[in-house]
C-alpha cells in the first residue's frame, strides 16, 4: 500500500505556493502507465476560476491583486530581515577575528618576556621550569604565535 505525500506546488493562476497531495506516489507505476493529471495546478482559492469569461477573469485579477501585493510585501520584509541577519553575522565574525588577533598579540608579548634559553632558564629570571614558558611552547599554540609579528 502506498501513501500519498504532501508536496509544495506553485499555482498556475496566482503563482503562489500551496500544499498539495502528490497522488503519483500512491502508485508503483512508471513510464506510459503512470497516472497523469493534464489539468493545471491550482490552489484552493483559484480552483473556482476555471472556465470564466473575460469579465470574470478581470474580476479574478482584481481579487488576486491584494493577495499578490501582500505576498510581495512579506517577501520584501523577509529579505530585509535576512540582510540584517547577514550583516549581524558578519560583524560577529569580524569581532571574533579582531579579538583573536588581539589575544595572539598579547600572547606574543608574553612569549617575548618568557623565552627558554638553551641552558633551561627563562628570560623572566626563573632558573628552571618556568610555567608560563611551558604553556607558551604548546605545540598547538606555536603555529599561531609564529603568524603574529614581534612587537618593536
N, C-alpha and C. Protein backbone atom coordinates (compact mmCIF):
# COMPACT_ATOMS: atom_id res chain seq x y z
N UNK A 1 0.85 -1.19 0.00
CA UNK A 1 0.00 0.00 0.00
C UNK A 1 0.89 1.25 0.00
N UNK A 2 0.55 2.18 -0.85
CA UNK A 2 1.34 3.40 -0.96
C UNK A 2 0.54 4.56 -0.41
N UNK A 3 1.25 5.46 0.28
CA UNK A 3 0.60 6.64 0.88
C UNK A 3 0.87 7.86 0.00
N UNK A 4 -0.11 8.72 -0.09
CA UNK A 4 0.07 9.98 -0.81
C UNK A 4 0.95 10.89 0.04
N UNK A 5 1.87 11.60 -0.60
CA UNK A 5 2.74 12.53 0.12
C UNK A 5 2.32 13.95 -0.19
N UNK A 6 2.55 14.82 0.77
CA UNK A 6 2.24 16.23 0.59
C UNK A 6 3.47 16.91 -0.02
N UNK A 7 3.22 17.73 -1.03
CA UNK A 7 4.29 18.45 -1.71
C UNK A 7 3.90 19.92 -1.83
N UNK A 8 4.89 20.77 -2.04
CA UNK A 8 4.64 22.20 -2.25
C UNK A 8 4.60 22.43 -3.76
N UNK A 9 3.52 23.01 -4.22
CA UNK A 9 3.34 23.30 -5.64
C UNK A 9 3.17 24.81 -5.82
N UNK A 10 3.28 25.25 -7.08
CA UNK A 10 3.03 26.65 -7.42
C UNK A 10 1.76 26.72 -8.23
N UNK A 11 0.84 27.58 -7.82
CA UNK A 11 -0.44 27.74 -8.50
C UNK A 11 -0.19 28.35 -9.89
N UNK A 12 -0.77 27.74 -10.91
CA UNK A 12 -0.62 28.26 -12.27
C UNK A 12 -1.36 29.58 -12.46
N UNK A 13 -2.29 29.89 -11.58
CA UNK A 13 -3.10 31.10 -11.73
C UNK A 13 -2.45 32.29 -11.00
N UNK A 14 -2.24 32.14 -9.69
CA UNK A 14 -1.74 33.27 -8.89
C UNK A 14 -0.24 33.20 -8.63
N UNK A 15 0.40 32.12 -8.99
CA UNK A 15 1.84 31.86 -8.84
C UNK A 15 2.31 31.82 -7.39
N UNK A 16 1.38 31.64 -6.45
CA UNK A 16 1.77 31.49 -5.06
C UNK A 16 1.93 30.01 -4.73
N UNK A 17 2.70 29.72 -3.69
CA UNK A 17 2.94 28.34 -3.26
C UNK A 17 1.74 27.84 -2.46
N UNK A 18 1.43 26.54 -2.63
CA UNK A 18 0.39 25.91 -1.84
C UNK A 18 0.75 24.45 -1.64
N UNK A 19 0.13 23.85 -0.62
CA UNK A 19 0.40 22.46 -0.31
C UNK A 19 -0.59 21.58 -1.06
N UNK A 20 -0.09 20.52 -1.69
CA UNK A 20 -0.95 19.62 -2.47
C UNK A 20 -0.58 18.19 -2.15
N UNK A 21 -1.44 17.27 -2.55
CA UNK A 21 -1.18 15.85 -2.39
C UNK A 21 -0.62 15.32 -3.69
N UNK A 22 0.52 14.67 -3.61
CA UNK A 22 1.14 14.07 -4.79
C UNK A 22 0.62 12.65 -4.91
N UNK A 23 -0.39 12.49 -5.74
CA UNK A 23 -1.03 11.18 -5.86
C UNK A 23 -0.19 10.21 -6.68
N UNK A 24 0.80 10.69 -7.42
CA UNK A 24 1.63 9.79 -8.21
C UNK A 24 2.44 8.86 -7.31
N UNK A 25 2.69 9.29 -6.07
CA UNK A 25 3.44 8.43 -5.16
C UNK A 25 2.58 7.30 -4.61
N UNK A 26 1.27 7.34 -4.88
CA UNK A 26 0.39 6.28 -4.41
C UNK A 26 0.47 5.05 -5.31
N UNK A 27 1.02 5.21 -6.48
CA UNK A 27 1.08 4.12 -7.44
C UNK A 27 2.52 3.72 -7.67
N UNK A 28 2.76 2.46 -7.76
CA UNK A 28 4.11 1.97 -8.06
C UNK A 28 4.20 1.72 -9.56
N UNK A 29 3.88 2.74 -10.34
CA UNK A 29 3.83 2.62 -11.79
C UNK A 29 4.67 3.75 -12.38
N UNK A 30 5.48 3.41 -13.36
CA UNK A 30 6.27 4.43 -14.02
C UNK A 30 6.08 4.30 -15.52
N UNK A 31 6.57 5.27 -16.25
CA UNK A 31 6.50 5.21 -17.71
C UNK A 31 5.13 5.58 -18.24
N UNK A 32 4.69 4.94 -19.34
CA UNK A 32 3.44 5.30 -20.01
C UNK A 32 2.21 4.95 -19.18
N UNK A 33 2.32 4.00 -18.26
CA UNK A 33 1.17 3.58 -17.47
C UNK A 33 0.96 4.44 -16.23
N UNK A 34 1.86 5.36 -15.95
CA UNK A 34 1.72 6.21 -14.76
C UNK A 34 0.55 7.15 -14.93
N UNK A 35 -0.25 7.37 -13.88
CA UNK A 35 -1.39 8.28 -13.99
C UNK A 35 -0.91 9.70 -14.22
N UNK A 36 -1.64 10.42 -15.02
CA UNK A 36 -1.28 11.81 -15.33
C UNK A 36 -2.45 12.72 -15.02
N UNK A 37 -2.12 13.95 -14.67
CA UNK A 37 -3.14 14.96 -14.41
C UNK A 37 -2.89 16.09 -15.40
N UNK A 38 -3.61 16.10 -16.53
CA UNK A 38 -3.35 17.12 -17.55
C UNK A 38 -3.86 18.50 -17.16
N UNK A 39 -4.64 18.59 -16.08
CA UNK A 39 -5.19 19.89 -15.68
C UNK A 39 -4.10 20.76 -15.07
N UNK A 40 -4.40 22.05 -15.04
CA UNK A 40 -3.49 22.99 -14.43
C UNK A 40 -3.47 22.79 -12.92
N UNK A 41 -2.36 23.15 -12.29
CA UNK A 41 -2.25 23.09 -10.84
C UNK A 41 -2.78 24.39 -10.27
N UNK A 42 -3.86 24.29 -9.50
CA UNK A 42 -4.49 25.48 -8.93
C UNK A 42 -4.64 25.32 -7.43
N UNK A 43 -4.43 26.42 -6.71
CA UNK A 43 -4.66 26.40 -5.27
C UNK A 43 -6.17 26.41 -5.02
N UNK A 44 -6.57 26.18 -3.79
CA UNK A 44 -8.00 26.10 -3.49
C UNK A 44 -8.72 27.42 -3.75
N UNK A 45 -8.03 28.54 -3.60
CA UNK A 45 -8.67 29.83 -3.84
C UNK A 45 -8.89 30.08 -5.33
N UNK A 46 -8.03 29.53 -6.18
CA UNK A 46 -8.13 29.77 -7.62
C UNK A 46 -8.91 28.66 -8.34
N UNK A 47 -9.24 27.61 -7.65
CA UNK A 47 -9.88 26.46 -8.28
C UNK A 47 -11.19 26.83 -8.95
N UNK A 48 -11.97 27.71 -8.34
CA UNK A 48 -13.27 28.07 -8.90
C UNK A 48 -13.18 29.04 -10.08
N UNK A 49 -12.00 29.49 -10.45
CA UNK A 49 -11.83 30.43 -11.56
C UNK A 49 -11.86 29.76 -12.93
N UNK A 50 -11.78 28.48 -13.01
CA UNK A 50 -11.65 27.79 -14.30
C UNK A 50 -12.86 28.06 -15.19
N UNK A 51 -12.61 28.28 -16.49
CA UNK A 51 -13.67 28.43 -17.48
C UNK A 51 -14.43 29.74 -17.41
N UNK A 52 -13.84 30.79 -16.92
CA UNK A 52 -14.56 32.05 -16.79
C UNK A 52 -14.38 32.90 -18.04
N UNK A 53 -15.35 33.79 -18.24
CA UNK A 53 -15.25 34.70 -19.39
C UNK A 53 -14.34 35.88 -19.02
N UNK A 54 -14.21 36.84 -19.95
CA UNK A 54 -13.25 37.93 -19.79
C UNK A 54 -13.57 38.79 -18.56
N UNK A 55 -14.85 39.12 -18.34
CA UNK A 55 -15.20 39.95 -17.17
C UNK A 55 -14.88 39.24 -15.87
N UNK A 56 -15.14 37.95 -15.86
CA UNK A 56 -14.84 37.19 -14.65
C UNK A 56 -13.33 37.08 -14.44
N UNK A 57 -12.60 36.97 -15.54
CA UNK A 57 -11.14 36.93 -15.43
C UNK A 57 -10.60 38.25 -14.89
N UNK A 58 -11.17 39.37 -15.38
CA UNK A 58 -10.76 40.68 -14.88
C UNK A 58 -11.04 40.80 -13.39
N UNK A 59 -12.21 40.34 -12.96
CA UNK A 59 -12.55 40.34 -11.54
C UNK A 59 -11.56 39.48 -10.75
N UNK A 60 -11.20 38.34 -11.33
CA UNK A 60 -10.25 37.45 -10.66
C UNK A 60 -8.91 38.15 -10.49
N UNK A 61 -8.45 38.83 -11.53
CA UNK A 61 -7.18 39.54 -11.42
C UNK A 61 -7.24 40.61 -10.35
N UNK A 62 -8.36 41.30 -10.27
CA UNK A 62 -8.53 42.31 -9.22
C UNK A 62 -8.58 41.67 -7.85
N UNK A 63 -9.21 40.49 -7.78
CA UNK A 63 -9.25 39.77 -6.50
C UNK A 63 -7.86 39.29 -6.08
N UNK A 64 -7.05 38.91 -7.07
CA UNK A 64 -5.71 38.40 -6.78
C UNK A 64 -4.73 39.50 -6.40
N UNK A 65 -4.99 40.72 -6.84
CA UNK A 65 -4.03 41.80 -6.61
C UNK A 65 -3.67 41.98 -5.14
N UNK A 66 -4.64 42.08 -4.21
CA UNK A 66 -4.25 42.26 -2.81
C UNK A 66 -3.43 41.08 -2.27
N UNK A 67 -3.79 39.88 -2.70
CA UNK A 67 -3.08 38.70 -2.23
C UNK A 67 -1.63 38.71 -2.74
N UNK A 68 -1.43 39.10 -3.99
CA UNK A 68 -0.09 39.16 -4.55
C UNK A 68 0.73 40.30 -3.93
N UNK A 69 0.07 41.43 -3.69
CA UNK A 69 0.77 42.54 -3.04
C UNK A 69 1.20 42.16 -1.63
N UNK A 70 0.33 41.46 -0.92
CA UNK A 70 0.65 41.01 0.43
C UNK A 70 1.84 40.03 0.40
N UNK A 71 1.83 39.12 -0.58
CA UNK A 71 2.94 38.17 -0.71
C UNK A 71 4.23 38.90 -1.07
N UNK A 72 4.14 39.92 -1.93
CA UNK A 72 5.33 40.70 -2.30
C UNK A 72 5.89 41.43 -1.08
N UNK A 73 5.00 42.05 -0.30
CA UNK A 73 5.45 42.78 0.89
C UNK A 73 6.08 41.84 1.91
N UNK A 74 5.49 40.65 2.06
CA UNK A 74 6.05 39.67 3.00
C UNK A 74 7.43 39.21 2.53
N UNK A 75 7.59 39.01 1.23
CA UNK A 75 8.88 38.60 0.69
C UNK A 75 9.92 39.71 0.88
N UNK A 76 9.52 40.95 0.67
CA UNK A 76 10.44 42.08 0.85
C UNK A 76 10.86 42.21 2.31
N UNK A 77 9.90 42.05 3.23
CA UNK A 77 10.22 42.12 4.65
C UNK A 77 11.16 40.99 5.05
N UNK A 78 10.93 39.81 4.50
CA UNK A 78 11.81 38.67 4.79
C UNK A 78 13.22 38.96 4.28
N UNK A 79 13.33 39.54 3.09
CA UNK A 79 14.64 39.85 2.53
C UNK A 79 15.38 40.87 3.40
N UNK A 80 14.66 41.86 3.90
CA UNK A 80 15.28 42.86 4.77
C UNK A 80 15.78 42.21 6.05
N UNK A 81 14.95 41.32 6.65
CA UNK A 81 15.38 40.63 7.87
C UNK A 81 16.59 39.74 7.60
N UNK A 82 16.59 39.07 6.45
CA UNK A 82 17.71 38.20 6.11
C UNK A 82 19.00 39.01 5.93
N UNK A 83 18.92 40.15 5.25
CA UNK A 83 20.09 41.01 5.07
C UNK A 83 20.61 41.52 6.42
N UNK A 84 19.69 41.83 7.32
CA UNK A 84 20.09 42.29 8.65
C UNK A 84 20.81 41.18 9.42
N UNK A 85 20.28 39.94 9.32
CA UNK A 85 20.94 38.80 9.98
C UNK A 85 22.33 38.55 9.38
N UNK A 86 22.46 38.70 8.07
CA UNK A 86 23.76 38.52 7.43
C UNK A 86 24.75 39.58 7.93
N UNK A 87 24.30 40.82 8.00
CA UNK A 87 25.18 41.90 8.47
C UNK A 87 25.59 41.67 9.93
N UNK A 88 24.64 41.23 10.76
CA UNK A 88 24.97 40.94 12.17
C UNK A 88 25.97 39.80 12.27
N UNK A 89 25.78 38.78 11.46
CA UNK A 89 26.69 37.63 11.48
C UNK A 89 28.09 38.04 11.03
N UNK A 90 28.16 38.86 10.01
CA UNK A 90 29.47 39.33 9.54
C UNK A 90 30.18 40.14 10.61
N UNK A 91 29.43 40.98 11.30
CA UNK A 91 30.03 41.79 12.37
C UNK A 91 30.51 40.90 13.51
N UNK A 92 29.76 39.86 13.85
CA UNK A 92 30.19 38.95 14.91
C UNK A 92 31.47 38.22 14.51
N UNK A 93 31.55 37.79 13.27
CA UNK A 93 32.76 37.11 12.79
C UNK A 93 33.94 38.08 12.82
N UNK A 94 33.74 39.30 12.34
CA UNK A 94 34.81 40.30 12.34
C UNK A 94 35.27 40.60 13.77
N UNK A 95 34.32 40.71 14.70
CA UNK A 95 34.66 40.96 16.09
C UNK A 95 35.45 39.79 16.68
N UNK A 96 35.03 38.58 16.36
CA UNK A 96 35.75 37.40 16.86
C UNK A 96 37.17 37.37 16.31
N UNK A 97 37.34 37.70 15.04
CA UNK A 97 38.69 37.72 14.45
C UNK A 97 39.56 38.81 15.07
N UNK A 98 38.97 39.99 15.33
CA UNK A 98 39.73 41.06 15.99
C UNK A 98 40.17 40.62 17.39
N UNK A 99 39.25 39.98 18.12
CA UNK A 99 39.58 39.51 19.47
C UNK A 99 40.68 38.46 19.41
N UNK A 100 40.57 37.56 18.47
CA UNK A 100 41.59 36.51 18.31
C UNK A 100 42.95 37.12 18.03
N UNK A 101 43.01 38.08 17.12
CA UNK A 101 44.29 38.72 16.80
C UNK A 101 44.84 39.48 18.01
N UNK A 102 43.97 40.10 18.79
CA UNK A 102 44.40 40.82 19.98
C UNK A 102 44.99 39.84 21.00
N UNK A 103 44.32 38.72 21.21
CA UNK A 103 44.81 37.73 22.16
C UNK A 103 46.15 37.16 21.70
N UNK A 104 46.26 36.88 20.41
CA UNK A 104 47.53 36.36 19.90
C UNK A 104 48.66 37.38 20.05
N UNK A 105 48.35 38.65 19.83
CA UNK A 105 49.38 39.69 20.00
C UNK A 105 49.83 39.76 21.46
N UNK A 106 48.89 39.65 22.40
CA UNK A 106 49.25 39.66 23.82
C UNK A 106 50.07 38.43 24.19
N UNK A 107 49.70 37.29 23.62
CA UNK A 107 50.50 36.08 23.88
C UNK A 107 51.91 36.21 23.31
N UNK A 108 52.02 36.90 22.17
CA UNK A 108 53.34 37.12 21.58
C UNK A 108 54.17 38.00 22.52
N UNK A 109 53.55 39.01 23.15
CA UNK A 109 54.27 39.84 24.11
C UNK A 109 54.74 39.01 25.30
N UNK A 110 53.86 38.13 25.78
CA UNK A 110 54.23 37.27 26.91
C UNK A 110 55.37 36.34 26.49
N UNK A 111 55.31 35.86 25.26
CA UNK A 111 56.37 34.97 24.77
C UNK A 111 57.71 35.71 24.71
N UNK A 112 57.66 36.98 24.37
CA UNK A 112 58.91 37.76 24.33
C UNK A 112 59.52 37.87 25.73
N UNK A 113 58.69 37.92 26.76
CA UNK A 113 59.18 38.02 28.14
C UNK A 113 59.63 36.65 28.65
N UNK A 114 58.93 35.60 28.23
CA UNK A 114 59.20 34.24 28.73
C UNK A 114 59.71 33.37 27.58
N UNK A 115 61.02 33.39 27.36
CA UNK A 115 61.64 32.55 26.35
C UNK A 115 62.67 31.67 27.03
N UNK A 116 62.60 30.40 26.73
CA UNK A 116 63.54 29.45 27.33
C UNK A 116 64.91 29.59 26.64
N UNK A 117 65.93 29.67 27.45
CA UNK A 117 67.31 29.73 26.95
C UNK A 117 67.84 28.30 26.79
N UNK A 118 68.94 28.15 26.06
CA UNK A 118 69.50 26.80 25.88
C UNK A 118 69.90 26.11 27.19
N UNK A 119 70.23 26.91 28.22
CA UNK A 119 70.63 26.30 29.50
C UNK A 119 69.44 25.91 30.38
N UNK A 120 68.18 26.13 29.88
CA UNK A 120 66.99 25.72 30.63
C UNK A 120 66.39 26.81 31.50
N UNK A 121 67.01 27.97 31.55
CA UNK A 121 66.45 29.07 32.33
C UNK A 121 65.55 29.91 31.44
N UNK A 122 64.71 30.73 32.05
CA UNK A 122 63.76 31.58 31.32
C UNK A 122 64.26 33.02 31.34
N UNK A 123 63.93 33.78 30.33
CA UNK A 123 64.35 35.18 30.26
C UNK A 123 63.68 36.03 31.33
N UNK A 124 62.63 35.52 31.98
CA UNK A 124 61.97 36.28 33.04
C UNK A 124 62.76 36.24 34.34
N UNK A 125 63.74 35.33 34.43
CA UNK A 125 64.58 35.26 35.63
C UNK A 125 64.39 33.98 36.42
N UNK A 126 63.39 33.20 36.12
CA UNK A 126 63.19 31.93 36.82
C UNK A 126 64.27 30.96 36.32
N UNK A 127 64.87 30.30 37.28
CA UNK A 127 66.01 29.45 36.94
C UNK A 127 65.61 28.20 36.14
N UNK A 128 64.57 27.49 36.55
CA UNK A 128 64.19 26.26 35.87
C UNK A 128 62.66 26.12 35.85
N UNK A 129 62.15 25.49 34.80
CA UNK A 129 60.73 25.14 34.68
C UNK A 129 59.78 26.33 34.85
N UNK A 130 59.95 27.35 34.05
CA UNK A 130 59.01 28.48 34.06
C UNK A 130 57.68 27.99 33.51
N UNK A 131 56.64 28.03 34.33
CA UNK A 131 55.34 27.51 33.92
C UNK A 131 54.76 28.30 32.76
N UNK A 132 54.98 29.58 32.73
CA UNK A 132 54.46 30.41 31.64
C UNK A 132 55.11 30.03 30.32
N UNK A 133 56.41 29.85 30.33
CA UNK A 133 57.12 29.46 29.11
C UNK A 133 56.65 28.09 28.64
N UNK A 134 56.40 27.18 29.58
CA UNK A 134 55.92 25.85 29.20
C UNK A 134 54.55 25.92 28.51
N UNK A 135 53.69 26.81 28.98
CA UNK A 135 52.38 26.97 28.35
C UNK A 135 52.54 27.55 26.95
N UNK A 136 53.42 28.53 26.81
CA UNK A 136 53.60 29.18 25.52
C UNK A 136 54.20 28.25 24.46
N UNK A 137 54.92 27.24 24.88
CA UNK A 137 55.54 26.34 23.92
C UNK A 137 54.65 25.12 23.62
N UNK A 138 53.37 25.26 23.85
CA UNK A 138 52.42 24.21 23.47
C UNK A 138 52.44 24.04 21.96
N UNK A 139 52.41 22.82 21.48
CA UNK A 139 52.56 22.57 20.04
C UNK A 139 51.39 23.12 19.23
N UNK A 140 50.22 23.30 19.83
CA UNK A 140 49.08 23.87 19.10
C UNK A 140 49.13 25.39 19.07
N UNK A 141 49.78 25.99 20.04
CA UNK A 141 49.84 27.45 20.13
C UNK A 141 50.98 28.03 19.29
N UNK A 142 52.06 27.33 19.16
CA UNK A 142 53.23 27.85 18.47
C UNK A 142 52.96 28.24 17.01
N UNK A 143 52.25 27.43 16.21
CA UNK A 143 51.98 27.88 14.83
C UNK A 143 51.20 29.19 14.77
N UNK A 144 50.31 29.39 15.71
CA UNK A 144 49.54 30.65 15.73
C UNK A 144 50.43 31.82 16.12
N UNK A 145 51.30 31.61 17.09
CA UNK A 145 52.18 32.70 17.54
C UNK A 145 53.19 33.08 16.46
N UNK A 146 53.60 32.13 15.65
CA UNK A 146 54.56 32.44 14.58
C UNK A 146 53.95 33.38 13.54
N UNK A 147 52.64 33.37 13.41
CA UNK A 147 51.98 34.24 12.42
C UNK A 147 51.90 35.69 12.89
N UNK A 148 51.98 35.92 14.18
CA UNK A 148 51.88 37.28 14.72
C UNK A 148 53.27 37.92 14.72
N UNK A 149 53.42 39.10 14.11
CA UNK A 149 54.75 39.73 14.09
C UNK A 149 55.18 40.19 15.48
N UNK A 150 56.47 40.14 15.72
CA UNK A 150 57.00 40.57 17.01
C UNK A 150 56.89 42.08 17.13
N UNK A 151 56.54 42.55 18.34
CA UNK A 151 56.41 44.00 18.54
C UNK A 151 57.79 44.64 18.54
N UNK A 152 57.84 45.88 18.11
CA UNK A 152 59.13 46.58 18.01
C UNK A 152 59.48 47.28 19.29
